[in-house]
N, C-alpha and C. Protein backbone atom coordinates (compact mmCIF):
# COMPACT_ATOMS: atom_id res chain seq x y z
N MET A 1 0.47 -1.27 -0.14
CA MET A 1 0.17 0.18 -0.08
C MET A 1 0.99 1.07 0.27
N ASP A 2 0.48 2.34 -0.73
CA ASP A 2 0.99 3.37 -0.99
C ASP A 2 0.70 4.54 0.65
N GLN A 3 1.40 4.76 1.42
CA GLN A 3 1.31 5.31 2.57
C GLN A 3 0.76 6.59 2.78
N THR A 4 0.76 7.03 1.57
CA THR A 4 0.38 8.55 1.27
C THR A 4 -1.27 8.64 0.38
N THR A 5 -1.24 7.60 -0.35
CA THR A 5 -2.46 7.75 -0.95
C THR A 5 -3.33 6.79 -0.47
N GLY A 6 -3.31 5.47 0.08
CA GLY A 6 -4.19 4.73 0.23
C GLY A 6 -4.67 3.70 -0.54
N LEU A 7 -3.53 3.81 -1.50
CA LEU A 7 -3.79 2.96 -2.64
C LEU A 7 -3.24 2.00 -3.11
N ILE A 8 -3.35 0.55 -3.57
CA ILE A 8 -2.70 -0.85 -3.85
C ILE A 8 -3.03 -0.74 -5.25
N THR A 9 -1.94 -1.35 -5.75
CA THR A 9 -2.20 -1.79 -7.39
C THR A 9 -2.41 -3.29 -7.20
N GLY A 10 -3.70 -3.61 -8.05
CA GLY A 10 -3.79 -4.95 -8.35
C GLY A 10 -3.54 -5.58 -8.98
N PRO A 11 -3.61 -6.91 -9.29
CA PRO A 11 -2.96 -8.27 -10.05
C PRO A 11 -3.67 -7.45 -11.58
N ASP A 12 -4.34 -6.74 -11.85
CA ASP A 12 -4.59 -6.38 -13.26
C ASP A 12 -3.81 -5.10 -13.39
N GLY A 13 -2.88 -4.29 -12.00
CA GLY A 13 -2.64 -3.14 -12.65
C GLY A 13 -3.20 -1.76 -12.24
N VAL A 14 -4.65 -2.26 -11.68
CA VAL A 14 -5.37 -1.08 -11.69
C VAL A 14 -5.68 -0.54 -10.08
N GLU A 15 -5.09 0.74 -9.32
CA GLU A 15 -5.32 1.20 -8.49
C GLU A 15 -6.57 1.00 -7.71
N ARG A 16 -6.41 0.94 -6.24
CA ARG A 16 -7.67 0.92 -5.76
C ARG A 16 -7.13 0.70 -4.50
N CYS A 17 -8.69 1.35 -3.86
CA CYS A 17 -8.75 1.25 -1.78
C CYS A 17 -7.66 0.07 -1.21
N PHE A 18 -6.98 0.66 -0.70
CA PHE A 18 -5.91 -0.91 -0.14
C PHE A 18 -6.69 -1.09 0.93
N TRP A 19 -8.01 -1.40 1.43
CA TRP A 19 -8.33 -2.08 2.04
C TRP A 19 -8.73 -3.77 2.16
N HIS A 20 -8.56 -3.88 1.09
CA HIS A 20 -9.37 -5.74 0.30
C HIS A 20 -7.69 -6.26 1.00
N GLY A 21 -7.01 -5.82 0.55
CA GLY A 21 -5.59 -6.33 0.45
C GLY A 21 -5.53 -7.42 -0.94
N ASN A 22 -5.89 -7.22 -2.20
CA ASN A 22 -5.86 -7.58 -3.41
C ASN A 22 -6.64 -9.48 -3.30
N LEU A 23 -7.18 -9.38 -1.77
CA LEU A 23 -7.76 -10.82 -1.60
C LEU A 23 -9.14 -10.95 -2.49
N PRO A 24 -9.10 -11.96 -3.73
CA PRO A 24 -10.79 -12.32 -4.54
C PRO A 24 -11.65 -11.96 -3.96
N ASP A 25 -11.89 -12.68 -2.91
CA ASP A 25 -13.39 -12.19 -2.93
C ASP A 25 -13.42 -11.00 -2.14
N TYR A 26 -12.74 -9.93 -1.38
CA TYR A 26 -12.89 -9.21 -0.72
C TYR A 26 -12.93 -7.94 -1.92
N LEU A 27 -11.72 -8.20 -2.82
CA LEU A 27 -11.47 -7.64 -3.89
C LEU A 27 -12.70 -7.02 -5.14
N HIS A 28 -13.85 -8.38 -5.26
CA HIS A 28 -14.93 -8.43 -5.64
C HIS A 28 -16.26 -7.79 -5.04
N TYR A 29 -15.93 -7.44 -3.67
CA TYR A 29 -17.01 -6.77 -2.94
C TYR A 29 -16.65 -5.11 -3.07
N HIS A 30 -15.10 -5.16 -3.08
CA HIS A 30 -14.94 -3.61 -2.84
C HIS A 30 -15.20 -2.81 -4.53
N ASP A 31 -15.11 -4.02 -5.66
CA ASP A 31 -15.51 -3.33 -6.99
C ASP A 31 -16.89 -2.96 -7.30
N HIS A 32 -17.88 -3.84 -6.49
CA HIS A 32 -18.98 -4.34 -7.34
C HIS A 32 -19.99 -3.96 -6.34
N GLU A 33 -19.63 -3.77 -5.02
CA GLU A 33 -20.84 -3.81 -3.85
C GLU A 33 -20.36 -2.33 -3.06
N TRP A 34 -19.27 -2.11 -2.44
CA TRP A 34 -19.29 -1.42 -1.39
C TRP A 34 -19.18 0.29 -2.21
N GLY A 35 -20.72 1.06 -1.03
CA GLY A 35 -20.27 2.43 -1.47
C GLY A 35 -21.45 2.38 -3.28
N ARG A 36 -21.96 1.15 -3.78
CA ARG A 36 -22.80 1.82 -4.38
C ARG A 36 -24.48 1.62 -3.87
N PRO A 37 -24.83 2.59 -4.57
CA PRO A 37 -26.25 3.36 -3.55
C PRO A 37 -27.44 1.93 -3.66
N VAL A 38 -28.45 1.55 -2.62
CA VAL A 38 -29.00 0.24 -2.59
C VAL A 38 -30.36 1.14 -1.70
N ALA A 39 -31.61 0.78 -2.67
CA ALA A 39 -32.51 1.20 -1.99
C ALA A 39 -33.27 -0.11 -1.60
N ASN A 40 -32.91 -1.23 -1.75
CA ASN A 40 -33.83 -2.26 -1.75
C ASN A 40 -33.97 -2.63 0.26
N ASP A 41 -35.24 -2.71 0.80
CA ASP A 41 -34.97 -2.45 2.10
C ASP A 41 -34.15 -4.07 2.47
N THR A 42 -34.66 -4.92 1.88
CA THR A 42 -34.06 -6.22 2.58
C THR A 42 -32.58 -6.33 2.90
N ARG A 43 -32.11 -5.71 1.44
CA ARG A 43 -30.38 -5.35 1.38
C ARG A 43 -29.98 -4.67 2.32
N LEU A 44 -30.49 -3.47 2.23
CA LEU A 44 -30.21 -2.44 3.57
C LEU A 44 -30.74 -3.24 5.13
N PHE A 45 -31.41 -3.82 5.21
CA PHE A 45 -31.82 -4.42 6.47
C PHE A 45 -30.51 -5.18 6.47
N GLU A 46 -30.05 -6.51 6.00
CA GLU A 46 -29.19 -7.31 6.10
C GLU A 46 -27.43 -6.48 5.95
N LYS A 47 -27.54 -5.49 5.74
CA LYS A 47 -26.13 -4.59 5.28
C LYS A 47 -26.02 -3.94 6.61
N ILE A 48 -27.08 -3.72 7.62
CA ILE A 48 -26.72 -2.82 9.42
C ILE A 48 -26.85 -4.06 10.12
N CYS A 49 -27.93 -5.02 9.87
CA CYS A 49 -27.56 -6.31 10.65
C CYS A 49 -26.04 -7.01 10.87
N LEU A 50 -25.71 -7.23 9.29
CA LEU A 50 -23.98 -7.75 9.47
C LEU A 50 -23.52 -6.54 9.80
N GLU A 51 -23.22 -5.62 9.66
CA GLU A 51 -22.36 -4.26 10.57
C GLU A 51 -22.38 -3.98 11.76
N GLY A 52 -23.37 -4.86 12.37
CA GLY A 52 -23.73 -4.88 14.03
C GLY A 52 -23.04 -6.30 14.39
N PHE A 53 -23.03 -7.09 13.12
CA PHE A 53 -22.37 -8.33 13.85
C PHE A 53 -20.92 -8.38 13.92
N GLN A 54 -20.73 -7.41 12.68
CA GLN A 54 -19.09 -7.10 12.44
C GLN A 54 -18.42 -6.67 13.65
N SER A 55 -18.78 -5.70 14.53
CA SER A 55 -18.53 -5.42 15.85
C SER A 55 -17.12 -5.65 16.57
N GLY A 56 -16.01 -5.63 16.60
CA GLY A 56 -15.14 -6.27 17.07
C GLY A 56 -14.70 -7.80 16.59
N LEU A 57 -14.84 -7.34 15.36
CA LEU A 57 -14.17 -8.48 14.25
C LEU A 57 -14.12 -7.96 12.94
N SER A 58 -13.23 -8.85 11.80
CA SER A 58 -12.94 -8.11 10.38
C SER A 58 -14.11 -8.07 9.63
N TRP A 59 -14.47 -7.24 8.99
CA TRP A 59 -15.14 -7.17 7.87
C TRP A 59 -14.93 -8.59 6.82
N LEU A 60 -14.38 -9.14 6.64
CA LEU A 60 -14.15 -10.10 5.80
C LEU A 60 -14.32 -11.44 6.35
N THR A 61 -14.18 -11.37 7.80
CA THR A 61 -14.92 -12.61 8.35
C THR A 61 -16.39 -12.67 8.17
N ILE A 62 -16.88 -11.84 8.29
CA ILE A 62 -18.79 -11.44 8.22
C ILE A 62 -18.89 -11.49 6.88
N LEU A 63 -17.82 -11.17 5.93
CA LEU A 63 -18.11 -11.29 3.96
C LEU A 63 -18.13 -12.54 3.95
N ARG A 64 -17.43 -13.68 4.40
CA ARG A 64 -17.20 -14.86 4.13
C ARG A 64 -18.40 -15.78 4.58
N LYS A 65 -18.72 -15.50 5.76
CA LYS A 65 -19.97 -15.91 6.48
C LYS A 65 -21.15 -15.44 5.93
N ARG A 66 -21.01 -14.63 5.11
CA ARG A 66 -22.64 -13.74 4.69
C ARG A 66 -23.62 -14.96 4.24
N ASP A 67 -23.40 -15.65 3.19
CA ASP A 67 -24.03 -16.98 2.49
C ASP A 67 -24.91 -17.64 3.66
N ASN A 68 -24.09 -17.98 4.84
CA ASN A 68 -24.55 -18.71 5.98
C ASN A 68 -25.40 -17.93 6.74
N PHE A 69 -25.00 -16.51 7.23
CA PHE A 69 -26.20 -15.32 7.62
C PHE A 69 -27.66 -15.12 7.16
N ARG A 70 -27.34 -15.47 5.57
CA ARG A 70 -28.49 -15.08 4.67
C ARG A 70 -29.68 -16.52 4.91
N GLU A 71 -28.97 -17.28 4.95
CA GLU A 71 -29.50 -18.46 4.98
C GLU A 71 -30.09 -18.69 6.49
N ALA A 72 -29.22 -18.59 7.79
CA ALA A 72 -30.16 -18.63 9.05
C ALA A 72 -30.96 -17.24 9.20
N PHE A 73 -31.10 -16.26 8.34
CA PHE A 73 -31.73 -15.50 8.70
C PHE A 73 -32.96 -14.99 7.74
N ALA A 74 -33.17 -16.32 7.19
CA ALA A 74 -34.19 -16.34 5.87
C ALA A 74 -34.22 -14.79 5.03
N GLY A 75 -32.89 -15.01 4.70
CA GLY A 75 -32.32 -13.94 3.42
C GLY A 75 -32.69 -13.04 4.26
N PHE A 76 -32.83 -12.47 5.33
CA PHE A 76 -32.98 -11.00 6.12
C PHE A 76 -34.08 -10.46 6.02
N ASP A 77 -35.08 -11.01 5.13
CA ASP A 77 -36.50 -10.70 4.81
C ASP A 77 -37.11 -9.96 6.44
N ILE A 78 -37.48 -9.13 6.46
CA ILE A 78 -37.64 -8.40 7.50
C ILE A 78 -39.27 -8.74 8.38
N ASP A 79 -39.80 -9.20 7.63
CA ASP A 79 -40.63 -9.84 8.28
C ASP A 79 -40.86 -10.99 9.14
N ARG A 80 -39.86 -11.81 7.99
CA ARG A 80 -40.19 -13.37 8.67
C ARG A 80 -38.82 -12.93 9.80
N VAL A 81 -37.64 -12.25 9.68
CA VAL A 81 -36.75 -12.61 11.52
C VAL A 81 -38.17 -11.62 12.20
N ALA A 82 -38.72 -11.13 11.94
CA ALA A 82 -39.46 -10.21 13.21
C ALA A 82 -40.31 -11.18 13.53
N ARG A 83 -40.90 -11.96 13.13
CA ARG A 83 -41.32 -13.63 13.65
C ARG A 83 -40.89 -14.85 14.40
N PHE A 84 -39.44 -14.55 14.07
CA PHE A 84 -38.50 -15.36 15.04
C PHE A 84 -38.84 -15.38 16.49
N GLY A 85 -38.96 -16.57 17.27
CA GLY A 85 -39.24 -16.67 18.80
C GLY A 85 -37.73 -17.34 18.99
N ASP A 86 -37.86 -17.61 20.30
CA ASP A 86 -37.34 -18.34 21.23
C ASP A 86 -36.21 -19.45 20.81
N SER A 87 -36.87 -20.24 19.83
CA SER A 87 -36.81 -21.54 19.31
C SER A 87 -35.49 -21.32 18.26
N ASP A 88 -35.98 -19.84 17.56
CA ASP A 88 -34.88 -19.53 16.88
C ASP A 88 -33.53 -18.99 17.18
N VAL A 89 -33.86 -18.51 18.69
CA VAL A 89 -32.69 -17.76 18.86
C VAL A 89 -31.62 -18.95 19.59
N GLU A 90 -32.45 -19.52 19.61
CA GLU A 90 -31.35 -21.20 20.18
C GLU A 90 -31.00 -22.18 18.56
N ARG A 91 -31.97 -21.90 18.00
CA ARG A 91 -31.49 -22.84 16.64
C ARG A 91 -30.33 -21.82 16.13
N LEU A 92 -30.12 -20.19 16.13
CA LEU A 92 -29.16 -19.36 15.56
C LEU A 92 -27.66 -19.40 16.75
N VAL A 93 -28.11 -19.76 17.88
CA VAL A 93 -26.95 -19.76 18.65
C VAL A 93 -26.17 -20.91 18.25
N GLY A 94 -26.50 -22.44 18.17
CA GLY A 94 -26.08 -23.28 17.92
C GLY A 94 -25.74 -23.67 16.54
N ASN A 95 -25.69 -22.15 15.49
CA ASN A 95 -25.56 -22.63 14.19
C ASN A 95 -23.77 -22.09 13.91
N ALA A 96 -23.14 -22.88 13.51
CA ALA A 96 -21.61 -22.53 13.78
C ALA A 96 -21.06 -22.20 12.12
N GLY A 97 -22.05 -21.50 11.32
CA GLY A 97 -21.97 -21.15 10.39
C GLY A 97 -22.01 -19.31 10.39
N ILE A 98 -22.20 -18.95 11.48
CA ILE A 98 -22.50 -17.53 11.81
C ILE A 98 -21.71 -17.40 12.93
N ILE A 99 -22.16 -15.77 13.40
CA ILE A 99 -21.23 -15.76 14.32
C ILE A 99 -22.02 -15.56 15.88
N ARG A 100 -21.74 -16.58 16.57
CA ARG A 100 -23.04 -17.21 17.62
C ARG A 100 -22.43 -16.07 18.69
N HIS A 101 -23.11 -14.94 18.97
CA HIS A 101 -23.23 -14.29 19.42
C HIS A 101 -24.58 -13.93 20.17
N ARG A 102 -25.53 -14.40 21.05
CA ARG A 102 -26.47 -14.46 21.92
C ARG A 102 -27.30 -13.21 21.79
N GLY A 103 -26.64 -12.38 22.16
CA GLY A 103 -27.40 -10.57 22.05
C GLY A 103 -27.36 -9.86 20.45
N LYS A 104 -26.28 -10.48 19.78
CA LYS A 104 -26.27 -9.74 18.56
C LYS A 104 -27.72 -10.35 17.67
N ILE A 105 -27.82 -11.75 18.01
CA ILE A 105 -28.56 -12.49 17.20
C ILE A 105 -29.63 -11.98 17.91
N VAL A 106 -30.16 -11.53 19.38
CA VAL A 106 -31.35 -11.42 19.57
C VAL A 106 -31.98 -9.69 19.02
N SER A 107 -30.82 -8.97 18.95
CA SER A 107 -30.99 -7.85 18.60
C SER A 107 -31.22 -7.66 17.67
N THR A 108 -31.21 -8.27 16.21
CA THR A 108 -30.94 -8.77 14.73
C THR A 108 -33.04 -8.72 14.82
N ILE A 109 -33.19 -10.01 15.74
CA ILE A 109 -34.99 -10.09 15.64
C ILE A 109 -35.37 -8.70 16.13
N ASN A 110 -35.14 -7.86 17.57
CA ASN A 110 -35.55 -7.26 17.80
C ASN A 110 -35.72 -5.70 16.50
N ASN A 111 -34.76 -5.89 16.10
CA ASN A 111 -33.81 -4.49 15.46
C ASN A 111 -35.13 -4.88 13.39
N ALA A 112 -35.36 -6.19 14.00
CA ALA A 112 -36.42 -6.25 12.20
C ALA A 112 -37.58 -5.85 12.35
N LYS A 113 -38.07 -5.88 14.11
CA LYS A 113 -39.27 -5.39 14.49
C LYS A 113 -39.84 -3.79 14.29
N ARG A 114 -38.39 -3.33 14.79
CA ARG A 114 -38.27 -2.03 14.62
C ARG A 114 -38.17 -1.76 13.09
N ALA A 115 -37.21 -2.19 11.86
CA ALA A 115 -37.45 -1.82 10.96
C ALA A 115 -38.93 -1.71 10.17
N ARG A 116 -39.58 -2.84 10.69
CA ARG A 116 -40.90 -3.01 10.06
C ARG A 116 -41.65 -1.37 10.24
N GLU A 117 -41.39 -0.99 12.06
CA GLU A 117 -42.34 0.35 12.23
C GLU A 117 -41.77 1.27 11.28
N MET A 118 -40.58 1.60 11.14
CA MET A 118 -39.66 2.21 10.20
C MET A 118 -40.11 2.56 9.00
N ALA A 119 -40.35 1.55 8.35
CA ALA A 119 -40.96 1.08 6.96
C ALA A 119 -42.42 1.35 6.89
N ASP A 120 -43.08 1.17 8.08
CA ASP A 120 -44.23 1.64 7.62
C ASP A 120 -44.42 3.21 8.00
N GLU A 121 -43.71 3.91 8.37
CA GLU A 121 -43.95 4.95 8.67
C GLU A 121 -43.68 5.85 7.74
N ALA A 122 -42.14 5.70 7.11
CA ALA A 122 -41.55 6.58 6.54
C ALA A 122 -41.79 5.87 4.81
N GLY A 123 -42.30 4.88 4.27
CA GLY A 123 -43.06 4.51 2.97
C GLY A 123 -42.00 3.08 3.01
N SER A 124 -41.10 3.34 3.28
CA SER A 124 -39.75 2.03 3.11
C SER A 124 -38.51 2.52 4.20
N LEU A 125 -37.88 1.42 4.30
CA LEU A 125 -36.72 1.86 5.07
C LEU A 125 -35.70 2.43 4.39
N ALA A 126 -35.76 2.16 2.91
CA ALA A 126 -34.79 3.06 2.15
C ALA A 126 -35.31 4.47 2.68
N ALA A 127 -36.01 5.10 2.17
CA ALA A 127 -36.96 6.32 2.39
C ALA A 127 -36.25 6.78 3.76
N TRP A 128 -36.22 5.79 4.69
CA TRP A 128 -36.00 6.19 6.38
C TRP A 128 -34.44 6.85 6.13
N PHE A 129 -33.63 5.78 5.83
CA PHE A 129 -32.45 6.20 5.58
C PHE A 129 -31.63 6.94 4.72
N TRP A 130 -32.33 7.16 3.49
CA TRP A 130 -31.83 8.37 2.30
C TRP A 130 -32.01 9.63 3.32
N LYS A 131 -32.90 9.84 3.84
CA LYS A 131 -33.12 11.29 4.12
C LYS A 131 -32.28 11.88 4.97
N PHE A 132 -31.25 10.71 5.34
CA PHE A 132 -30.09 11.39 6.12
C PHE A 132 -28.70 11.24 5.26
N GLU A 133 -28.91 11.32 4.06
CA GLU A 133 -28.19 11.29 2.89
C GLU A 133 -27.07 13.21 3.02
N PRO A 134 -26.06 12.57 3.51
CA PRO A 134 -25.04 14.16 3.73
C PRO A 134 -24.69 15.33 2.69
N GLY A 135 -25.16 16.32 3.05
CA GLY A 135 -25.00 16.95 1.83
C GLY A 135 -23.89 17.73 1.62
N PRO A 136 -23.44 18.32 0.51
CA PRO A 136 -21.83 18.60 0.45
C PRO A 136 -21.05 19.51 1.32
N LEU A 137 -21.31 20.29 2.11
CA LEU A 137 -20.62 20.79 3.29
C LEU A 137 -20.60 20.26 4.38
N GLU A 138 -21.19 18.63 4.10
CA GLU A 138 -20.94 17.47 5.05
C GLU A 138 -19.98 16.88 4.77
N ARG A 139 -19.40 17.05 3.83
CA ARG A 139 -18.28 16.01 2.86
C ARG A 139 -17.29 16.45 3.10
N PRO A 140 -16.25 16.16 3.33
CA PRO A 140 -14.92 16.40 3.09
C PRO A 140 -14.86 16.76 1.38
N GLU A 141 -13.50 17.83 1.30
CA GLU A 141 -13.34 18.36 0.13
C GLU A 141 -12.63 16.89 -0.72
N VAL A 142 -11.76 16.26 -0.02
CA VAL A 142 -10.90 15.42 -0.77
C VAL A 142 -11.32 13.84 0.19
N VAL A 143 -11.45 12.98 -0.43
CA VAL A 143 -11.18 11.60 0.40
C VAL A 143 -10.18 10.84 0.37
N ASP A 144 -9.56 11.01 1.44
CA ASP A 144 -7.88 10.64 1.24
C ASP A 144 -7.87 9.68 2.52
N LEU A 145 -6.53 8.99 2.18
CA LEU A 145 -6.20 8.31 3.54
C LEU A 145 -6.82 8.91 4.72
N ALA A 146 -5.85 10.16 5.19
CA ALA A 146 -5.76 11.13 6.74
C ALA A 146 -7.61 11.24 6.80
N HIS A 147 -8.70 11.40 6.14
CA HIS A 147 -10.22 11.36 6.20
C HIS A 147 -10.60 9.82 6.78
N LEU A 148 -10.08 9.34 6.02
CA LEU A 148 -10.78 7.88 6.33
C LEU A 148 -10.24 6.93 7.84
N ARG A 149 -8.90 7.19 7.90
CA ARG A 149 -7.99 7.26 9.28
C ARG A 149 -9.11 8.32 10.76
N ALA A 150 -9.37 9.35 10.19
CA ALA A 150 -9.61 10.14 11.21
C ALA A 150 -10.86 10.15 11.63
N ASN A 151 -11.89 9.36 10.45
CA ASN A 151 -13.30 9.49 10.92
C ASN A 151 -13.67 8.02 11.03
N PRO A 152 -14.02 7.70 12.37
CA PRO A 152 -14.60 6.12 12.32
C PRO A 152 -16.08 6.84 11.97
N THR A 153 -16.33 7.87 12.87
CA THR A 153 -17.84 8.54 12.63
C THR A 153 -17.40 9.72 12.25
N THR A 154 -19.25 10.13 12.06
CA THR A 154 -18.86 11.49 11.28
C THR A 154 -20.64 12.21 12.03
N ALA A 155 -21.03 13.11 11.83
CA ALA A 155 -21.96 14.08 12.46
C ALA A 155 -23.36 13.31 12.06
N VAL A 156 -23.11 12.88 11.39
CA VAL A 156 -24.52 12.21 10.49
C VAL A 156 -24.67 11.03 11.19
N SER A 157 -23.38 9.99 11.33
CA SER A 157 -23.76 9.09 11.54
C SER A 157 -24.35 8.53 12.85
N VAL A 158 -23.72 9.65 13.74
CA VAL A 158 -23.98 10.00 15.32
C VAL A 158 -25.56 10.04 15.13
N ARG A 159 -26.11 11.16 14.35
CA ARG A 159 -27.04 11.60 14.56
C ARG A 159 -28.42 10.44 14.20
N ILE A 160 -27.70 9.40 13.12
CA ILE A 160 -29.06 7.88 12.63
C ILE A 160 -28.72 7.42 13.90
N SER A 161 -27.26 7.32 14.30
CA SER A 161 -27.23 6.43 15.79
C SER A 161 -28.04 6.15 16.65
N LYS A 162 -28.58 7.70 17.30
CA LYS A 162 -29.34 8.41 18.10
C LYS A 162 -30.85 7.98 17.93
N GLU A 163 -30.73 8.63 16.44
CA GLU A 163 -32.58 8.02 16.53
C GLU A 163 -32.58 6.59 16.06
N LEU A 164 -31.93 5.73 15.42
CA LEU A 164 -32.16 4.47 16.04
C LEU A 164 -32.24 4.17 17.31
N LYS A 165 -31.37 4.46 17.88
CA LYS A 165 -31.50 3.68 19.70
C LYS A 165 -32.60 4.59 20.30
N LYS A 166 -33.43 5.61 19.71
CA LYS A 166 -34.17 6.26 20.61
C LYS A 166 -35.56 5.04 20.13
N ARG A 167 -35.35 4.86 18.99
CA ARG A 167 -36.80 3.89 18.24
C ARG A 167 -36.33 2.39 18.54
N GLY A 168 -35.60 1.98 19.37
CA GLY A 168 -35.34 0.39 19.92
C GLY A 168 -34.80 -0.07 19.87
N TRP A 169 -33.48 -0.05 18.51
CA TRP A 169 -32.62 -0.21 18.15
C TRP A 169 -31.51 -0.76 18.87
N SER A 170 -31.08 -1.70 18.65
CA SER A 170 -29.50 -1.59 19.35
C SER A 170 -28.16 -2.62 18.44
N PHE A 171 -26.98 -2.37 19.23
CA PHE A 171 -25.58 -3.02 17.93
C PHE A 171 -25.66 -1.59 17.23
N VAL A 172 -26.39 -0.14 16.77
CA VAL A 172 -26.49 0.46 16.09
C VAL A 172 -25.28 1.78 16.61
N GLY A 173 -24.08 1.86 17.12
CA GLY A 173 -23.21 2.67 17.44
C GLY A 173 -22.86 3.71 16.30
N PRO A 174 -22.34 4.43 16.70
CA PRO A 174 -22.10 5.55 15.82
C PRO A 174 -20.85 4.72 14.51
N THR A 175 -20.35 3.70 14.56
CA THR A 175 -18.71 3.90 13.87
C THR A 175 -20.02 2.56 13.39
N THR A 176 -20.46 1.78 13.42
CA THR A 176 -21.23 0.67 12.89
C THR A 176 -22.69 1.27 11.73
N VAL A 177 -22.92 2.31 12.64
CA VAL A 177 -23.74 3.19 11.12
C VAL A 177 -22.93 3.88 10.33
N TYR A 178 -21.51 4.14 10.82
CA TYR A 178 -20.56 5.09 9.52
C TYR A 178 -20.57 3.98 8.42
N ALA A 179 -19.76 2.42 9.39
CA ALA A 179 -19.60 1.21 8.34
C ALA A 179 -20.56 0.91 7.30
N PHE A 180 -22.19 1.06 7.88
CA PHE A 180 -23.24 0.93 6.81
C PHE A 180 -23.33 2.02 5.64
N MET A 181 -22.98 2.92 6.56
CA MET A 181 -23.34 4.39 4.95
C MET A 181 -22.39 4.28 4.06
N GLN A 182 -21.35 3.64 4.37
CA GLN A 182 -20.27 3.45 3.41
C GLN A 182 -20.70 2.39 2.50
N ALA A 183 -21.26 1.45 3.19
CA ALA A 183 -21.38 0.15 2.71
C ALA A 183 -22.70 0.21 1.32
N MET A 184 -23.90 0.82 2.14
CA MET A 184 -25.06 1.06 1.22
C MET A 184 -24.93 2.46 0.23
N GLY A 185 -23.93 3.45 0.63
CA GLY A 185 -23.68 4.17 -0.67
C GLY A 185 -24.32 5.21 -0.49
N LEU A 186 -24.93 5.75 0.68
CA LEU A 186 -25.12 6.84 1.85
C LEU A 186 -24.14 8.17 1.12
N VAL A 187 -22.62 7.11 1.34
CA VAL A 187 -21.55 8.17 1.55
C VAL A 187 -20.32 7.36 0.17
N ASN A 188 -19.95 7.96 -0.53
CA ASN A 188 -18.84 7.45 -1.49
C ASN A 188 -17.42 7.31 -0.72
N ASP A 189 -16.88 6.58 -0.03
CA ASP A 189 -15.64 6.63 0.58
C ASP A 189 -14.65 6.13 -0.04
N HIS A 190 -14.58 5.79 -1.35
CA HIS A 190 -13.70 5.02 -1.99
C HIS A 190 -12.81 6.34 -2.08
N LEU A 191 -11.16 6.08 -1.95
CA LEU A 191 -9.68 6.73 -2.03
C LEU A 191 -10.03 7.88 -3.77
N GLU A 192 -9.32 8.65 -3.48
CA GLU A 192 -8.90 9.48 -4.57
C GLU A 192 -8.17 8.83 -5.01
N GLY A 193 -8.34 8.97 -6.35
CA GLY A 193 -7.29 7.50 -6.81
C GLY A 193 -7.57 5.94 -7.08
N CYS A 194 -8.66 6.15 -6.89
CA CYS A 194 -9.20 4.31 -7.09
C CYS A 194 -9.82 4.21 -8.25
N ALA A 195 -9.69 3.26 -8.61
CA ALA A 195 -10.74 3.24 -9.82
C ALA A 195 -12.11 3.12 -9.51
N CYS A 196 -12.38 2.92 -8.76
CA CYS A 196 -14.13 2.60 -8.42
C CYS A 196 -14.35 4.31 -7.93
N ARG A 197 -13.86 4.89 -7.71
CA ARG A 197 -14.54 6.16 -7.16
C ARG A 197 -15.31 6.90 -8.04
N ALA A 198 -15.12 7.33 -9.50
CA ALA A 198 -15.80 7.97 -10.27
C ALA A 198 -16.71 7.14 -10.42
N GLU A 199 -16.52 5.74 -11.08
CA GLU A 199 -17.82 5.18 -11.14
C GLU A 199 -18.36 5.16 -10.37
N VAL A 200 -18.51 5.00 -8.95
CA VAL A 200 -19.64 5.31 -8.07
C VAL A 200 -20.28 6.02 -7.95
N GLU A 201 -19.55 6.99 -8.04
CA GLU A 201 -19.74 8.51 -7.92
C GLU A 201 -20.81 8.82 -8.90
N ALA A 202 -20.69 8.04 -10.46
CA ALA A 202 -21.86 8.51 -11.60
C ALA A 202 -22.70 7.69 -11.02
N GLU A 203 -22.98 6.43 -10.37
CA GLU A 203 -23.77 5.52 -9.93
C GLU A 203 -24.93 6.53 -9.07
N ARG A 204 -24.30 7.17 -8.27
CA ARG A 204 -24.78 7.90 -6.94
C ARG A 204 -25.49 9.07 -7.99
N GLN A 205 -25.24 9.44 -8.68
CA GLN A 205 -25.69 10.59 -9.47
C GLN A 205 -27.09 10.40 -9.96
N ARG A 206 -26.85 8.90 -10.82
CA ARG A 206 -27.91 8.44 -11.58
C ARG A 206 -29.31 8.35 -10.89
N PHE A 207 -28.85 7.75 -9.41
CA PHE A 207 -29.55 6.81 -8.53
C PHE A 207 -30.82 7.86 -8.17
N LYS A 208 -31.71 7.36 -8.24
CA LYS A 208 -33.66 8.12 -7.79
C LYS A 208 -33.30 7.49 -6.23
N ARG A 209 -33.32 8.58 -5.28
CA ARG A 209 -33.49 8.48 -3.93
C ARG A 209 -35.10 8.53 -3.38
N PRO A 210 -35.15 7.27 -2.85
CA PRO A 210 -36.33 6.87 -2.29
C PRO A 210 -36.88 8.17 -1.37
N GLY A 211 -38.23 7.98 -1.43
CA GLY A 211 -38.46 8.95 -0.42
C GLY A 211 -40.31 9.29 -1.02
């Protein structure tokens, strides 16, 4: 990694953000998913839940277990997860294919119920989250390595976290929420010079905000 730019040269000779380390599955996630705008409620619910499970672990660990999580949590269908009961909690705690953290499992079921309430109120979960999209004055002029290292949270992620907690969500601290914002395209934090940055920004420009 270039210590100044935070870029790494891939096996194809292309420069990208450093954090995927050129691991094939992680590289694919960086190129085709991270930062690209999402308006699908199921995928948004999945992303925020998995960011909660990631707390204290590496994202790569979660990414490599994502198919197991999807199978275990009914594809992260909000209504189905909201109906999970005690027997489902025990089933999930015993599932070696996921992160067997009882608190996070219980939290996911609770958060599904809260997500349904928010979707009913706002029209969709996507409409609720996208109303928090930061304006130009809330974003850095240049997204560089210093910005990423200095900003594990932002004023917007703090606002979203507070609002979610007020509504009864759990495992949604400001750092978790900012990682979610980055992943679902609420912000474009691909580094300057990364081959994906302009492409993702163009996709965000074309994206029709829900609401």
